[in-house]
Amino acid sequence: MANSRAQIVRLNEVPTVDCPCGLARRAFADQSTFPGTIHLTDIHRDAKAHFHDKHTEIYVILTCKPDAQIELEGVNYPVSPMTAILIPPGVKHRAIGEMQVLIICNPAFDPADEKF
């Protein structure tokens, strides 16, 4: 549903795309009134460490295994459901373990800003 003021997206129905972390469902990239994007991402165990020059990301852990962690600049931190992590530009990061996260990305996601 969309109108001039609001849009409803069922994230579980957005097509998946491969990403360094697993599979992402990205929404709202086409909205001029919202400066970012939101991603429902299924993290796999083989997530790759990366950083962004321009993007700030907020990871919100929805579900995860008990051993799940987030690696920030080489340091691992345990996470659990409803944990939120703010990741500014330039911070090398990766999720460790299987989890589903909601990622809020500002500005709108650009694959060219994913650096390894």
N, C-alpha and C. Protein backbone atom coordinates (compact mmCIF):
# COMPACT_ATOMS: atom_id res chain seq x y z
N MET A 1 0.84 -1.18 0.00
CA MET A 1 0.00 0.00 0.00
C MET A 1 0.88 1.24 0.00
N ALA A 2 0.54 2.19 -0.83
CA ALA A 2 1.29 3.43 -0.86
C ALA A 2 0.34 4.58 -1.14
N ASN A 3 0.61 5.71 -0.56
CA ASN A 3 -0.06 6.94 -0.93
C ASN A 3 0.97 8.05 -0.80
N SER A 4 0.55 9.28 -0.92
CA SER A 4 1.53 10.36 -0.89
C SER A 4 2.18 10.55 0.47
N ARG A 5 1.64 9.92 1.52
CA ARG A 5 2.18 10.15 2.86
C ARG A 5 2.70 8.90 3.55
N ALA A 6 2.28 7.75 3.12
CA ALA A 6 2.67 6.54 3.85
C ALA A 6 2.86 5.37 2.88
N GLN A 7 3.65 4.41 3.34
CA GLN A 7 3.86 3.19 2.56
C GLN A 7 3.98 2.03 3.52
N ILE A 8 3.34 0.93 3.20
CA ILE A 8 3.43 -0.28 4.01
C ILE A 8 4.14 -1.34 3.18
N VAL A 9 5.17 -1.94 3.77
CA VAL A 9 5.92 -3.01 3.10
C VAL A 9 5.95 -4.21 4.02
N ARG A 10 5.64 -5.36 3.50
CA ARG A 10 5.78 -6.61 4.25
C ARG A 10 7.20 -7.12 3.98
N LEU A 11 8.08 -6.90 4.94
CA LEU A 11 9.50 -7.22 4.72
C LEU A 11 9.72 -8.67 4.34
N ASN A 12 8.92 -9.57 4.89
CA ASN A 12 9.10 -10.99 4.56
C ASN A 12 8.70 -11.31 3.12
N GLU A 13 8.08 -10.36 2.41
CA GLU A 13 7.70 -10.56 1.01
C GLU A 13 8.63 -9.86 0.03
N VAL A 14 9.55 -9.05 0.52
CA VAL A 14 10.53 -8.37 -0.34
C VAL A 14 11.53 -9.42 -0.84
N PRO A 15 11.87 -9.43 -2.13
CA PRO A 15 12.84 -10.41 -2.64
C PRO A 15 14.19 -10.28 -1.93
N THR A 16 14.84 -11.41 -1.71
CA THR A 16 16.15 -11.40 -1.06
C THR A 16 17.25 -11.11 -2.08
N VAL A 17 18.33 -10.51 -1.56
CA VAL A 17 19.56 -10.30 -2.33
C VAL A 17 20.72 -10.80 -1.48
N ASP A 18 21.73 -11.33 -2.14
CA ASP A 18 22.94 -11.75 -1.42
C ASP A 18 23.67 -10.52 -0.89
N CYS A 19 24.24 -10.67 0.30
CA CYS A 19 25.06 -9.61 0.88
C CYS A 19 26.20 -10.28 1.64
N PRO A 20 27.19 -9.53 2.10
CA PRO A 20 28.33 -10.14 2.80
C PRO A 20 27.93 -10.90 4.07
N CYS A 21 26.73 -10.63 4.56
CA CYS A 21 26.28 -11.26 5.80
C CYS A 21 25.38 -12.47 5.58
N GLY A 22 24.76 -12.55 4.43
CA GLY A 22 23.80 -13.63 4.18
C GLY A 22 22.80 -13.20 3.13
N LEU A 23 21.53 -13.08 3.54
CA LEU A 23 20.46 -12.68 2.63
C LEU A 23 19.73 -11.48 3.21
N ALA A 24 19.58 -10.44 2.40
CA ALA A 24 18.93 -9.21 2.84
C ALA A 24 17.67 -8.94 2.03
N ARG A 25 16.69 -8.37 2.71
CA ARG A 25 15.47 -7.87 2.08
C ARG A 25 15.47 -6.36 2.35
N ARG A 26 15.67 -5.55 1.31
CA ARG A 26 15.86 -4.11 1.48
C ARG A 26 14.61 -3.35 1.03
N ALA A 27 14.20 -2.39 1.87
CA ALA A 27 12.98 -1.64 1.57
C ALA A 27 13.21 -0.14 1.70
N PHE A 28 12.38 0.61 1.03
CA PHE A 28 12.27 2.07 1.08
C PHE A 28 13.40 2.81 0.36
N ALA A 29 14.16 2.15 -0.47
CA ALA A 29 15.22 2.83 -1.22
C ALA A 29 14.65 3.86 -2.19
N ASP A 30 13.41 3.68 -2.59
CA ASP A 30 12.79 4.57 -3.57
C ASP A 30 12.00 5.72 -2.94
N GLN A 31 12.12 5.92 -1.64
CA GLN A 31 11.34 6.94 -0.95
C GLN A 31 12.15 8.21 -0.74
N SER A 32 11.75 9.27 -1.40
CA SER A 32 12.47 10.54 -1.27
C SER A 32 12.24 11.18 0.10
N THR A 33 11.21 10.78 0.81
CA THR A 33 10.92 11.38 2.12
C THR A 33 11.66 10.68 3.26
N PHE A 34 12.33 9.59 2.95
CA PHE A 34 13.09 8.86 3.98
C PHE A 34 14.55 8.80 3.52
N PRO A 35 15.49 9.25 4.34
CA PRO A 35 16.88 9.36 3.90
C PRO A 35 17.67 8.05 3.92
N GLY A 36 17.03 6.94 4.25
CA GLY A 36 17.77 5.69 4.37
C GLY A 36 17.02 4.51 3.80
N THR A 37 17.45 3.34 4.22
CA THR A 37 16.78 2.10 3.87
C THR A 37 16.69 1.23 5.11
N ILE A 38 15.82 0.24 5.05
CA ILE A 38 15.69 -0.72 6.13
C ILE A 38 15.83 -2.11 5.53
N HIS A 39 16.58 -2.97 6.23
CA HIS A 39 16.87 -4.30 5.70
C HIS A 39 16.49 -5.34 6.74
N LEU A 40 15.78 -6.35 6.31
CA LEU A 40 15.57 -7.55 7.13
C LEU A 40 16.60 -8.55 6.63
N THR A 41 17.57 -8.87 7.47
CA THR A 41 18.72 -9.66 7.02
C THR A 41 18.86 -10.94 7.83
N ASP A 42 18.98 -12.04 7.13
CA ASP A 42 19.29 -13.32 7.75
C ASP A 42 20.80 -13.50 7.69
N ILE A 43 21.43 -13.45 8.85
CA ILE A 43 22.88 -13.56 8.94
C ILE A 43 23.26 -15.04 8.95
N HIS A 44 24.25 -15.37 8.14
CA HIS A 44 24.78 -16.73 8.12
C HIS A 44 26.08 -16.76 8.91
N ARG A 45 26.54 -17.93 9.25
CA ARG A 45 27.76 -18.06 10.05
C ARG A 45 28.99 -17.50 9.34
N ASP A 46 28.96 -17.40 8.02
CA ASP A 46 30.15 -16.97 7.28
C ASP A 46 30.11 -15.48 6.91
N ALA A 47 29.49 -14.64 7.73
CA ALA A 47 29.43 -13.21 7.45
C ALA A 47 30.84 -12.63 7.32
N LYS A 48 31.02 -11.72 6.38
CA LYS A 48 32.34 -11.14 6.12
C LYS A 48 32.47 -9.79 6.80
N ALA A 49 33.63 -9.54 7.42
CA ALA A 49 33.90 -8.24 8.02
C ALA A 49 33.96 -7.19 6.92
N HIS A 50 33.32 -6.05 7.17
CA HIS A 50 33.29 -4.97 6.19
C HIS A 50 33.06 -3.64 6.92
N PHE A 51 33.16 -2.56 6.17
CA PHE A 51 32.87 -1.24 6.71
C PHE A 51 32.28 -0.39 5.60
N HIS A 52 31.81 0.77 5.97
CA HIS A 52 31.22 1.70 5.02
C HIS A 52 31.86 3.08 5.22
N ASP A 53 32.15 3.77 4.13
CA ASP A 53 32.68 5.13 4.22
C ASP A 53 31.59 6.15 4.55
N LYS A 54 30.37 5.90 4.08
CA LYS A 54 29.29 6.88 4.21
C LYS A 54 28.13 6.42 5.08
N HIS A 55 27.87 5.14 5.12
CA HIS A 55 26.68 4.64 5.82
C HIS A 55 26.86 4.55 7.32
N THR A 56 25.85 4.98 8.05
CA THR A 56 25.69 4.64 9.45
C THR A 56 24.63 3.56 9.47
N GLU A 57 24.88 2.50 10.25
CA GLU A 57 23.91 1.42 10.35
C GLU A 57 23.52 1.21 11.80
N ILE A 58 22.27 0.84 12.00
CA ILE A 58 21.81 0.36 13.29
C ILE A 58 21.33 -1.06 13.08
N TYR A 59 21.96 -2.00 13.79
CA TYR A 59 21.52 -3.39 13.78
C TYR A 59 20.61 -3.60 14.97
N VAL A 60 19.43 -4.14 14.75
CA VAL A 60 18.53 -4.55 15.83
C VAL A 60 18.39 -6.06 15.72
N ILE A 61 18.88 -6.77 16.72
CA ILE A 61 18.84 -8.23 16.71
C ILE A 61 17.41 -8.67 17.01
N LEU A 62 16.79 -9.38 16.08
CA LEU A 62 15.44 -9.88 16.29
C LEU A 62 15.46 -11.28 16.91
N THR A 63 16.23 -12.17 16.29
CA THR A 63 16.39 -13.52 16.81
C THR A 63 17.85 -13.91 16.64
N CYS A 64 18.34 -14.79 17.51
CA CYS A 64 19.72 -15.25 17.36
C CYS A 64 19.92 -16.50 18.21
N LYS A 65 20.98 -17.20 17.90
CA LYS A 65 21.41 -18.35 18.70
C LYS A 65 22.11 -17.82 19.96
N PRO A 66 22.20 -18.63 21.01
CA PRO A 66 22.82 -18.15 22.26
C PRO A 66 24.28 -17.71 22.12
N ASP A 67 25.00 -18.22 21.11
CA ASP A 67 26.42 -17.86 20.96
C ASP A 67 26.64 -16.69 20.00
N ALA A 68 25.58 -15.97 19.61
CA ALA A 68 25.70 -14.89 18.63
C ALA A 68 26.51 -13.72 19.20
N GLN A 69 27.26 -13.08 18.29
CA GLN A 69 28.09 -11.94 18.67
C GLN A 69 28.13 -10.93 17.53
N ILE A 70 28.54 -9.72 17.87
CA ILE A 70 28.86 -8.72 16.86
C ILE A 70 30.33 -8.37 17.03
N GLU A 71 31.06 -8.36 15.94
CA GLU A 71 32.47 -7.98 15.97
C GLU A 71 32.57 -6.53 15.50
N LEU A 72 33.16 -5.69 16.36
CA LEU A 72 33.37 -4.28 16.04
C LEU A 72 34.86 -3.97 16.18
N GLU A 73 35.51 -3.62 15.08
CA GLU A 73 36.95 -3.32 15.09
C GLU A 73 37.76 -4.44 15.73
N GLY A 74 37.39 -5.70 15.44
CA GLY A 74 38.15 -6.85 15.91
C GLY A 74 37.81 -7.33 17.31
N VAL A 75 36.89 -6.66 18.00
CA VAL A 75 36.48 -7.07 19.34
C VAL A 75 35.07 -7.65 19.27
N ASN A 76 34.88 -8.83 19.87
CA ASN A 76 33.58 -9.50 19.85
C ASN A 76 32.75 -9.14 21.08
N TYR A 77 31.46 -8.89 20.85
CA TYR A 77 30.52 -8.57 21.92
C TYR A 77 29.32 -9.51 21.80
N PRO A 78 28.88 -10.11 22.91
CA PRO A 78 27.70 -10.97 22.85
C PRO A 78 26.45 -10.14 22.56
N VAL A 79 25.52 -10.74 21.83
CA VAL A 79 24.24 -10.10 21.55
C VAL A 79 23.11 -11.06 21.88
N SER A 80 21.94 -10.51 22.06
CA SER A 80 20.74 -11.29 22.30
C SER A 80 19.58 -10.56 21.64
N PRO A 81 18.42 -11.20 21.52
CA PRO A 81 17.29 -10.51 20.90
C PRO A 81 16.99 -9.17 21.59
N MET A 82 16.67 -8.20 20.77
CA MET A 82 16.34 -6.82 21.15
C MET A 82 17.58 -6.00 21.52
N THR A 83 18.77 -6.49 21.16
CA THR A 83 19.99 -5.69 21.26
C THR A 83 20.05 -4.78 20.03
N ALA A 84 20.42 -3.51 20.24
CA ALA A 84 20.61 -2.57 19.13
C ALA A 84 22.05 -2.10 19.14
N ILE A 85 22.67 -2.04 17.96
CA ILE A 85 24.06 -1.65 17.82
C ILE A 85 24.15 -0.52 16.79
N LEU A 86 24.70 0.62 17.16
CA LEU A 86 24.93 1.73 16.24
C LEU A 86 26.34 1.59 15.68
N ILE A 87 26.45 1.56 14.35
CA ILE A 87 27.74 1.37 13.69
C ILE A 87 27.99 2.57 12.77
N PRO A 88 28.85 3.50 13.21
CA PRO A 88 29.15 4.68 12.39
C PRO A 88 30.01 4.33 11.17
N PRO A 89 30.11 5.25 10.21
CA PRO A 89 30.99 5.03 9.07
C PRO A 89 32.43 4.75 9.53
N GLY A 90 33.10 3.86 8.79
CA GLY A 90 34.50 3.55 9.06
C GLY A 90 34.73 2.45 10.08
N VAL A 91 33.69 2.00 10.78
CA VAL A 91 33.86 0.94 11.79
C VAL A 91 33.73 -0.43 11.11
N LYS A 92 34.81 -1.20 11.13
CA LYS A 92 34.79 -2.55 10.55
C LYS A 92 33.95 -3.44 11.45
N HIS A 93 33.03 -4.19 10.84
CA HIS A 93 32.08 -4.98 11.63
C HIS A 93 31.63 -6.23 10.89
N ARG A 94 31.12 -7.16 11.69
CA ARG A 94 30.47 -8.35 11.14
C ARG A 94 29.68 -9.00 12.26
N ALA A 95 28.64 -9.69 11.87
CA ALA A 95 27.86 -10.48 12.82
C ALA A 95 28.44 -11.89 12.83
N ILE A 96 28.46 -12.50 14.00
CA ILE A 96 29.00 -13.84 14.16
C ILE A 96 27.89 -14.73 14.70
N GLY A 97 27.59 -15.78 13.97
CA GLY A 97 26.52 -16.69 14.36
C GLY A 97 25.27 -16.43 13.55
N GLU A 98 24.35 -17.36 13.64
CA GLU A 98 23.11 -17.23 12.89
C GLU A 98 22.16 -16.32 13.64
N MET A 99 21.58 -15.36 12.90
CA MET A 99 20.64 -14.44 13.51
C MET A 99 19.82 -13.75 12.43
N GLN A 100 18.72 -13.17 12.85
CA GLN A 100 17.93 -12.32 11.97
C GLN A 100 17.98 -10.92 12.56
N VAL A 101 18.34 -9.94 11.73
CA VAL A 101 18.48 -8.57 12.21
C VAL A 101 17.70 -7.61 11.31
N LEU A 102 17.26 -6.55 11.92
CA LEU A 102 16.70 -5.43 11.20
C LEU A 102 17.80 -4.38 11.14
N ILE A 103 18.18 -3.96 9.94
CA ILE A 103 19.25 -2.98 9.79
C ILE A 103 18.66 -1.70 9.23
N ILE A 104 18.89 -0.60 9.93
CA ILE A 104 18.49 0.71 9.46
C ILE A 104 19.75 1.37 8.94
N CYS A 105 19.73 1.78 7.69
CA CYS A 105 20.91 2.30 7.02
C CYS A 105 20.64 3.74 6.56
N ASN A 106 21.57 4.64 6.92
CA ASN A 106 21.43 6.04 6.54
C ASN A 106 22.79 6.55 6.08
N PRO A 107 22.91 7.12 4.86
CA PRO A 107 21.87 7.30 3.86
C PRO A 107 21.45 5.98 3.24
N ALA A 108 20.56 6.05 2.25
CA ALA A 108 20.06 4.85 1.60
C ALA A 108 21.22 3.96 1.15
N PHE A 109 21.05 2.66 1.32
CA PHE A 109 22.10 1.69 1.03
C PHE A 109 22.61 1.83 -0.40
N ASP A 110 23.91 1.77 -0.55
CA ASP A 110 24.60 1.79 -1.84
C ASP A 110 25.67 0.70 -1.79
N PRO A 111 25.55 -0.36 -2.62
CA PRO A 111 26.53 -1.45 -2.57
C PRO A 111 27.96 -0.98 -2.82
N ALA A 112 28.16 0.14 -3.47
CA ALA A 112 29.51 0.65 -3.72
C ALA A 112 30.17 1.14 -2.42
N ASP A 113 29.39 1.31 -1.34
CA ASP A 113 29.94 1.77 -0.08
C ASP A 113 30.26 0.60 0.86
N GLU A 114 30.25 -0.60 0.36
CA GLU A 114 30.65 -1.78 1.14
C GLU A 114 32.10 -2.08 0.86
N LYS A 115 32.95 -1.93 1.87
CA LYS A 115 34.39 -2.09 1.70
C LYS A 115 34.88 -3.25 2.55
N PHE A 116 35.89 -3.97 2.04
CA PHE A 116 36.38 -5.16 2.76
C PHE A 116 37.80 -5.02 3.16
